[in-house]
């Protein structure tokens, strides 16, 4: 490949780390998917080592292709890194995927996480023309 050629697929933007969390109903708090106490994603300051380990236990690398559309990755990259994550070198690039009743919507796709099954992505493939 010549140096002037541009790849249409950029590996740097084709993946993103997310920490899967569940919203505590009626509050702004979340619990990490791996378990633990409710926490405030906007808390500023370095998280404790134990909290980082719990959050890393809920960390997933989403990669475009297969079941995850590129549009999902692009939208997640536009989300801010939570203040709580910025204080940790392990989490400072991750986004929080906050699930409400087990799911969230990102770029028109339903996303959820089930223990034993892992991440699921439901992309509406309905053809609007027919």
N, C-alpha and C. Protein backbone atom coordinates (compact mmCIF):
# COMPACT_ATOMS: atom_id res chain seq x y z
N UNK A 1 0.84 -1.17 0.00
CA UNK A 1 0.00 0.00 0.00
C UNK A 1 0.89 1.23 0.00
N UNK A 2 0.56 2.19 -0.84
CA UNK A 2 1.33 3.42 -0.91
C UNK A 2 0.99 4.31 0.28
N UNK A 3 1.95 5.16 0.65
CA UNK A 3 1.73 6.02 1.82
C UNK A 3 0.62 7.03 1.61
N UNK A 4 0.27 7.30 0.35
CA UNK A 4 -0.79 8.28 0.09
C UNK A 4 -2.18 7.68 0.23
N UNK A 5 -2.27 6.34 0.32
CA UNK A 5 -3.57 5.71 0.47
C UNK A 5 -4.09 5.92 1.89
N UNK A 6 -5.38 6.12 2.00
CA UNK A 6 -6.01 6.32 3.30
C UNK A 6 -6.90 5.12 3.59
N UNK A 7 -6.73 4.55 4.75
CA UNK A 7 -7.58 3.43 5.14
C UNK A 7 -8.96 3.95 5.50
N UNK A 8 -10.00 3.23 5.09
CA UNK A 8 -11.36 3.65 5.43
C UNK A 8 -11.72 3.21 6.84
N UNK A 9 -10.96 2.30 7.40
CA UNK A 9 -11.22 1.80 8.75
C UNK A 9 -10.05 2.20 9.63
N UNK A 10 -10.30 3.01 10.63
CA UNK A 10 -9.26 3.52 11.51
C UNK A 10 -9.30 2.73 12.82
N UNK A 11 -8.26 1.94 13.05
CA UNK A 11 -8.22 1.09 14.24
C UNK A 11 -8.34 1.89 15.53
N UNK A 12 -7.86 3.14 15.53
CA UNK A 12 -7.91 3.96 16.74
C UNK A 12 -9.34 4.34 17.11
N UNK A 13 -10.23 4.44 16.13
CA UNK A 13 -11.60 4.83 16.43
C UNK A 13 -12.55 3.65 16.34
N UNK A 14 -12.04 2.47 16.10
CA UNK A 14 -12.90 1.30 15.92
C UNK A 14 -13.18 0.57 17.22
N UNK A 15 -12.67 1.07 18.33
CA UNK A 15 -12.94 0.43 19.62
C UNK A 15 -12.99 1.48 20.72
N UNK A 16 -13.61 1.08 21.81
CA UNK A 16 -13.69 1.96 22.97
C UNK A 16 -13.93 1.10 24.21
N UNK A 17 -13.39 1.54 25.33
CA UNK A 17 -13.62 0.86 26.60
C UNK A 17 -14.83 1.47 27.29
N UNK A 18 -15.70 0.60 27.79
CA UNK A 18 -16.85 1.06 28.57
C UNK A 18 -16.90 0.29 29.88
N UNK A 19 -17.33 0.97 30.91
CA UNK A 19 -17.59 0.33 32.20
C UNK A 19 -19.10 0.16 32.28
N UNK A 20 -19.53 -1.08 32.34
CA UNK A 20 -20.96 -1.38 32.39
C UNK A 20 -21.46 -1.14 33.81
N UNK A 21 -22.47 -0.28 33.91
CA UNK A 21 -23.06 0.05 35.21
C UNK A 21 -24.58 -0.04 35.10
N UNK A 22 -25.22 -0.07 36.25
CA UNK A 22 -26.68 -0.11 36.31
C UNK A 22 -27.14 1.07 37.15
N UNK A 23 -28.08 1.84 36.62
CA UNK A 23 -28.60 2.98 37.36
C UNK A 23 -29.42 2.51 38.55
N UNK A 24 -29.18 3.16 39.69
CA UNK A 24 -30.00 2.91 40.87
C UNK A 24 -31.25 3.75 40.66
N UNK A 25 -32.39 3.07 40.50
CA UNK A 25 -33.63 3.76 40.15
C UNK A 25 -33.96 4.86 41.15
N UNK A 26 -34.37 5.98 40.59
CA UNK A 26 -34.76 7.12 41.41
C UNK A 26 -33.60 7.97 41.89
N UNK A 27 -32.37 7.65 41.46
CA UNK A 27 -31.19 8.42 41.86
C UNK A 27 -30.29 8.65 40.65
N UNK A 28 -29.23 9.41 40.86
CA UNK A 28 -28.22 9.58 39.82
C UNK A 28 -27.05 8.61 40.03
N UNK A 29 -27.17 7.74 41.01
CA UNK A 29 -26.10 6.79 41.34
C UNK A 29 -26.18 5.55 40.44
N UNK A 30 -25.05 4.88 40.33
CA UNK A 30 -24.97 3.64 39.56
C UNK A 30 -24.24 2.59 40.38
N UNK A 31 -24.46 1.33 40.04
CA UNK A 31 -23.67 0.25 40.61
C UNK A 31 -22.91 -0.42 39.46
N UNK A 32 -21.65 -0.76 39.68
CA UNK A 32 -20.89 -1.46 38.64
C UNK A 32 -21.52 -2.83 38.38
N UNK A 33 -21.45 -3.29 37.14
CA UNK A 33 -22.01 -4.60 36.80
C UNK A 33 -21.38 -5.71 37.64
N UNK A 34 -20.10 -5.58 37.96
CA UNK A 34 -19.39 -6.60 38.74
C UNK A 34 -19.82 -6.60 40.20
N UNK A 35 -20.61 -5.61 40.61
CA UNK A 35 -21.08 -5.54 41.99
C UNK A 35 -20.45 -4.40 42.73
N UNK A 36 -20.85 -4.23 43.95
CA UNK A 36 -20.32 -3.15 44.77
C UNK A 36 -21.39 -2.16 45.16
N UNK A 37 -20.96 -1.19 45.93
CA UNK A 37 -21.87 -0.18 46.44
C UNK A 37 -22.21 0.84 45.35
N UNK A 38 -23.37 1.51 45.48
CA UNK A 38 -23.70 2.58 44.55
C UNK A 38 -22.64 3.68 44.60
N UNK A 39 -22.41 4.29 43.44
CA UNK A 39 -21.40 5.35 43.38
C UNK A 39 -21.87 6.45 42.45
N UNK A 40 -21.22 7.59 42.63
CA UNK A 40 -21.52 8.79 41.86
C UNK A 40 -20.43 8.96 40.81
N UNK A 41 -20.78 8.84 39.54
CA UNK A 41 -19.79 8.96 38.46
C UNK A 41 -19.19 10.36 38.37
N UNK A 42 -19.86 11.35 38.94
CA UNK A 42 -19.34 12.72 38.88
C UNK A 42 -18.51 13.10 40.09
N UNK A 43 -18.23 12.15 40.98
CA UNK A 43 -17.36 12.42 42.12
C UNK A 43 -15.96 12.66 41.60
N UNK A 44 -15.34 13.75 42.03
CA UNK A 44 -14.00 14.10 41.56
C UNK A 44 -12.97 13.71 42.59
N UNK A 45 -11.87 13.24 42.12
CA UNK A 45 -10.79 12.80 42.99
C UNK A 45 -10.37 11.41 42.60
N UNK A 46 -9.22 11.01 43.02
CA UNK A 46 -8.77 9.67 42.64
C UNK A 46 -9.60 8.60 43.36
N UNK A 47 -10.11 7.63 42.60
CA UNK A 47 -10.85 6.55 43.24
C UNK A 47 -9.89 5.62 43.99
N UNK A 48 -10.40 4.96 45.00
CA UNK A 48 -9.57 4.04 45.77
C UNK A 48 -9.15 2.86 44.89
N UNK A 49 -8.10 2.20 45.29
CA UNK A 49 -7.61 1.02 44.56
C UNK A 49 -8.70 -0.05 44.47
N UNK A 50 -9.42 -0.26 45.58
CA UNK A 50 -10.49 -1.26 45.58
C UNK A 50 -11.60 -0.90 44.60
N UNK A 51 -11.97 0.38 44.55
CA UNK A 51 -13.01 0.82 43.62
C UNK A 51 -12.54 0.65 42.17
N UNK A 52 -11.31 0.98 41.89
CA UNK A 52 -10.77 0.80 40.53
C UNK A 52 -10.85 -0.68 40.13
N UNK A 53 -10.52 -1.56 41.05
CA UNK A 53 -10.59 -3.00 40.74
C UNK A 53 -12.02 -3.44 40.44
N UNK A 54 -12.99 -2.94 41.20
CA UNK A 54 -14.39 -3.28 40.95
C UNK A 54 -14.81 -2.74 39.58
N UNK A 55 -14.45 -1.50 39.29
CA UNK A 55 -14.81 -0.91 38.01
C UNK A 55 -14.12 -1.62 36.85
N UNK A 56 -12.88 -2.01 37.03
CA UNK A 56 -12.18 -2.77 35.97
C UNK A 56 -12.84 -4.12 35.74
N UNK A 57 -13.46 -4.67 36.78
CA UNK A 57 -14.20 -5.92 36.63
C UNK A 57 -15.45 -5.75 35.78
N UNK A 58 -15.88 -4.52 35.58
CA UNK A 58 -17.05 -4.22 34.76
C UNK A 58 -16.66 -3.60 33.42
N UNK A 59 -15.37 -3.60 33.11
CA UNK A 59 -14.85 -2.96 31.90
C UNK A 59 -14.93 -3.90 30.71
N UNK A 60 -15.41 -3.37 29.60
CA UNK A 60 -15.46 -4.12 28.34
C UNK A 60 -14.83 -3.29 27.24
N UNK A 61 -14.18 -3.95 26.32
CA UNK A 61 -13.67 -3.30 25.12
C UNK A 61 -14.66 -3.59 24.01
N UNK A 62 -15.32 -2.55 23.52
CA UNK A 62 -16.25 -2.71 22.40
C UNK A 62 -15.50 -2.42 21.11
N UNK A 63 -15.61 -3.31 20.15
CA UNK A 63 -14.95 -3.14 18.87
C UNK A 63 -15.99 -3.13 17.77
N UNK A 64 -15.80 -2.20 16.82
CA UNK A 64 -16.71 -2.13 15.68
C UNK A 64 -16.58 -3.38 14.84
N UNK A 65 -17.68 -3.74 14.23
CA UNK A 65 -17.71 -4.94 13.41
C UNK A 65 -18.47 -6.01 14.14
N UNK A 66 -18.82 -7.05 13.44
CA UNK A 66 -19.60 -8.10 14.06
C UNK A 66 -20.93 -7.54 14.54
N UNK A 67 -21.18 -7.62 15.84
CA UNK A 67 -22.45 -7.18 16.40
C UNK A 67 -22.48 -5.70 16.79
N UNK A 68 -21.32 -5.03 16.82
CA UNK A 68 -21.27 -3.64 17.27
C UNK A 68 -21.06 -2.72 16.07
N UNK A 69 -22.08 -1.94 15.71
CA UNK A 69 -21.93 -1.02 14.58
C UNK A 69 -20.92 0.10 14.86
N UNK A 70 -20.25 0.55 13.82
CA UNK A 70 -19.29 1.66 13.94
C UNK A 70 -19.97 2.89 14.54
N UNK A 71 -21.25 3.11 14.22
CA UNK A 71 -21.96 4.28 14.74
C UNK A 71 -22.04 4.25 16.27
N UNK A 72 -22.14 3.07 16.85
CA UNK A 72 -22.17 2.95 18.32
C UNK A 72 -20.83 3.40 18.89
N UNK A 73 -19.74 2.94 18.30
CA UNK A 73 -18.40 3.33 18.77
C UNK A 73 -18.23 4.84 18.64
N UNK A 74 -18.62 5.38 17.51
CA UNK A 74 -18.46 6.83 17.28
C UNK A 74 -19.26 7.64 18.28
N UNK A 75 -20.51 7.22 18.58
CA UNK A 75 -21.30 7.98 19.55
C UNK A 75 -20.67 7.89 20.94
N UNK A 76 -20.26 6.69 21.34
CA UNK A 76 -19.64 6.53 22.66
C UNK A 76 -18.37 7.37 22.79
N UNK A 77 -17.60 7.49 21.73
CA UNK A 77 -16.38 8.31 21.77
C UNK A 77 -16.71 9.78 22.03
N UNK A 78 -17.92 10.20 21.66
CA UNK A 78 -18.34 11.58 21.90
C UNK A 78 -18.83 11.83 23.32
N UNK A 79 -19.08 10.75 24.06
CA UNK A 79 -19.53 10.90 25.45
C UNK A 79 -18.35 11.32 26.32
N UNK A 80 -18.59 12.12 27.35
CA UNK A 80 -17.49 12.52 28.24
C UNK A 80 -17.05 11.35 29.14
N UNK A 81 -15.78 11.38 29.49
CA UNK A 81 -15.26 10.44 30.48
C UNK A 81 -15.77 10.91 31.84
N UNK A 82 -16.42 10.06 32.62
CA UNK A 82 -16.92 10.49 33.93
C UNK A 82 -15.79 11.00 34.82
N UNK A 83 -16.09 11.99 35.63
CA UNK A 83 -15.10 12.57 36.54
C UNK A 83 -14.45 11.51 37.40
N UNK A 84 -15.22 10.55 37.89
CA UNK A 84 -14.69 9.49 38.73
C UNK A 84 -13.59 8.70 38.02
N UNK A 85 -13.73 8.49 36.72
CA UNK A 85 -12.75 7.70 35.96
C UNK A 85 -11.48 8.49 35.68
N UNK A 86 -11.58 9.80 35.56
CA UNK A 86 -10.42 10.62 35.17
C UNK A 86 -9.28 10.55 36.18
N UNK A 87 -9.56 10.18 37.43
CA UNK A 87 -8.53 10.10 38.46
C UNK A 87 -7.76 8.79 38.45
N UNK A 88 -8.05 7.90 37.50
CA UNK A 88 -7.38 6.61 37.44
C UNK A 88 -6.75 6.38 36.07
N UNK A 89 -5.46 6.04 36.03
CA UNK A 89 -4.85 5.75 34.73
C UNK A 89 -5.47 4.53 34.05
N UNK A 90 -6.10 3.65 34.80
CA UNK A 90 -6.75 2.47 34.23
C UNK A 90 -8.08 2.79 33.58
N UNK A 91 -8.70 3.89 33.99
CA UNK A 91 -10.07 4.20 33.54
C UNK A 91 -10.19 5.51 32.79
N UNK A 92 -9.14 6.28 32.68
CA UNK A 92 -9.25 7.65 32.18
C UNK A 92 -9.69 7.78 30.73
N UNK A 93 -9.75 6.69 30.00
CA UNK A 93 -10.26 6.74 28.62
C UNK A 93 -11.62 6.04 28.48
N UNK A 94 -12.11 5.46 29.55
CA UNK A 94 -13.35 4.68 29.49
C UNK A 94 -14.57 5.57 29.61
N UNK A 95 -15.66 5.11 29.03
CA UNK A 95 -16.95 5.77 29.17
C UNK A 95 -17.84 4.88 30.04
N UNK A 96 -18.83 5.46 30.64
CA UNK A 96 -19.77 4.69 31.45
C UNK A 96 -20.97 4.32 30.58
N UNK A 97 -21.23 3.04 30.47
CA UNK A 97 -22.43 2.56 29.81
C UNK A 97 -23.44 2.28 30.92
N UNK A 98 -24.37 3.22 31.09
CA UNK A 98 -25.34 3.12 32.18
C UNK A 98 -26.59 2.42 31.65
N UNK A 99 -26.86 1.26 32.22
CA UNK A 99 -28.03 0.48 31.83
C UNK A 99 -29.18 0.81 32.76
N UNK A 100 -30.34 1.00 32.19
CA UNK A 100 -31.56 1.23 32.95
C UNK A 100 -32.48 0.05 32.63
N UNK A 101 -32.85 -0.68 33.66
CA UNK A 101 -33.62 -1.91 33.47
C UNK A 101 -32.91 -2.86 32.49
N UNK A 102 -31.59 -2.90 32.59
CA UNK A 102 -30.80 -3.86 31.81
C UNK A 102 -30.43 -3.46 30.41
N UNK A 103 -30.80 -2.22 30.00
CA UNK A 103 -30.45 -1.83 28.63
C UNK A 103 -30.20 -0.34 28.53
N UNK A 104 -29.58 0.03 27.43
CA UNK A 104 -29.35 1.43 27.09
C UNK A 104 -29.49 1.56 25.59
N UNK A 105 -29.64 2.76 25.10
CA UNK A 105 -29.69 2.97 23.66
C UNK A 105 -28.53 3.87 23.26
N UNK A 106 -27.79 3.42 22.27
CA UNK A 106 -26.64 4.18 21.76
C UNK A 106 -26.71 4.15 20.24
N UNK A 107 -26.75 5.31 19.63
CA UNK A 107 -26.78 5.43 18.17
C UNK A 107 -27.90 4.59 17.55
N UNK A 108 -29.04 4.56 18.21
CA UNK A 108 -30.19 3.84 17.70
C UNK A 108 -30.16 2.34 17.94
N UNK A 109 -29.14 1.84 18.60
CA UNK A 109 -29.03 0.41 18.89
C UNK A 109 -29.30 0.18 20.38
N UNK A 110 -30.06 -0.85 20.68
CA UNK A 110 -30.25 -1.25 22.06
C UNK A 110 -29.04 -2.06 22.50
N UNK A 111 -28.51 -1.77 23.68
CA UNK A 111 -27.33 -2.46 24.19
C UNK A 111 -27.62 -2.90 25.62
N UNK A 112 -27.19 -4.08 25.95
CA UNK A 112 -27.33 -4.58 27.30
C UNK A 112 -26.24 -5.58 27.61
N UNK A 113 -26.22 -6.04 28.84
CA UNK A 113 -25.23 -7.02 29.26
C UNK A 113 -25.90 -8.01 30.20
N UNK A 114 -25.76 -9.29 29.87
CA UNK A 114 -26.34 -10.35 30.69
C UNK A 114 -25.23 -11.26 31.18
N UNK A 115 -25.21 -11.52 32.47
CA UNK A 115 -24.21 -12.44 33.03
C UNK A 115 -24.36 -13.79 32.34
N UNK A 116 -23.26 -14.37 31.98
CA UNK A 116 -23.25 -15.66 31.32
C UNK A 116 -23.39 -15.56 29.81
N UNK A 117 -23.99 -14.49 29.33
CA UNK A 117 -24.15 -14.29 27.88
C UNK A 117 -23.26 -13.19 27.35
N UNK A 118 -23.02 -12.19 28.17
CA UNK A 118 -22.18 -11.07 27.75
C UNK A 118 -22.98 -9.95 27.12
N UNK A 119 -22.29 -9.16 26.33
CA UNK A 119 -22.87 -7.98 25.70
C UNK A 119 -23.82 -8.40 24.58
N UNK A 120 -24.94 -7.72 24.49
CA UNK A 120 -25.82 -7.90 23.34
C UNK A 120 -26.13 -6.54 22.73
N UNK A 121 -26.25 -6.52 21.41
CA UNK A 121 -26.57 -5.31 20.68
C UNK A 121 -27.74 -5.63 19.76
N UNK A 122 -28.79 -4.86 19.86
CA UNK A 122 -29.98 -5.04 19.03
C UNK A 122 -30.10 -3.86 18.10
N UNK A 123 -29.76 -4.08 16.84
CA UNK A 123 -29.84 -3.01 15.84
C UNK A 123 -31.13 -3.20 15.08
N UNK A 124 -31.92 -2.14 15.02
CA UNK A 124 -33.18 -2.20 14.26
C UNK A 124 -32.85 -2.28 12.79
N UNK A 125 -33.16 -3.42 12.20
CA UNK A 125 -32.85 -3.63 10.79
C UNK A 125 -34.10 -3.54 9.92
N UNK A 126 -35.16 -2.94 10.47
CA UNK A 126 -36.40 -2.78 9.71
C UNK A 126 -36.16 -1.88 8.51
N UNK A 127 -36.56 -2.33 7.35
CA UNK A 127 -36.42 -1.54 6.13
C UNK A 127 -37.60 -0.58 6.05
N UNK A 128 -37.32 0.71 6.13
CA UNK A 128 -38.38 1.71 6.15
C UNK A 128 -39.08 1.83 4.80
N UNK A 129 -38.50 1.30 3.73
CA UNK A 129 -39.10 1.42 2.42
C UNK A 129 -40.10 0.32 2.14
N UNK A 130 -40.13 -0.71 2.98
CA UNK A 130 -41.01 -1.78 2.60
C UNK A 130 -41.69 -2.39 3.69
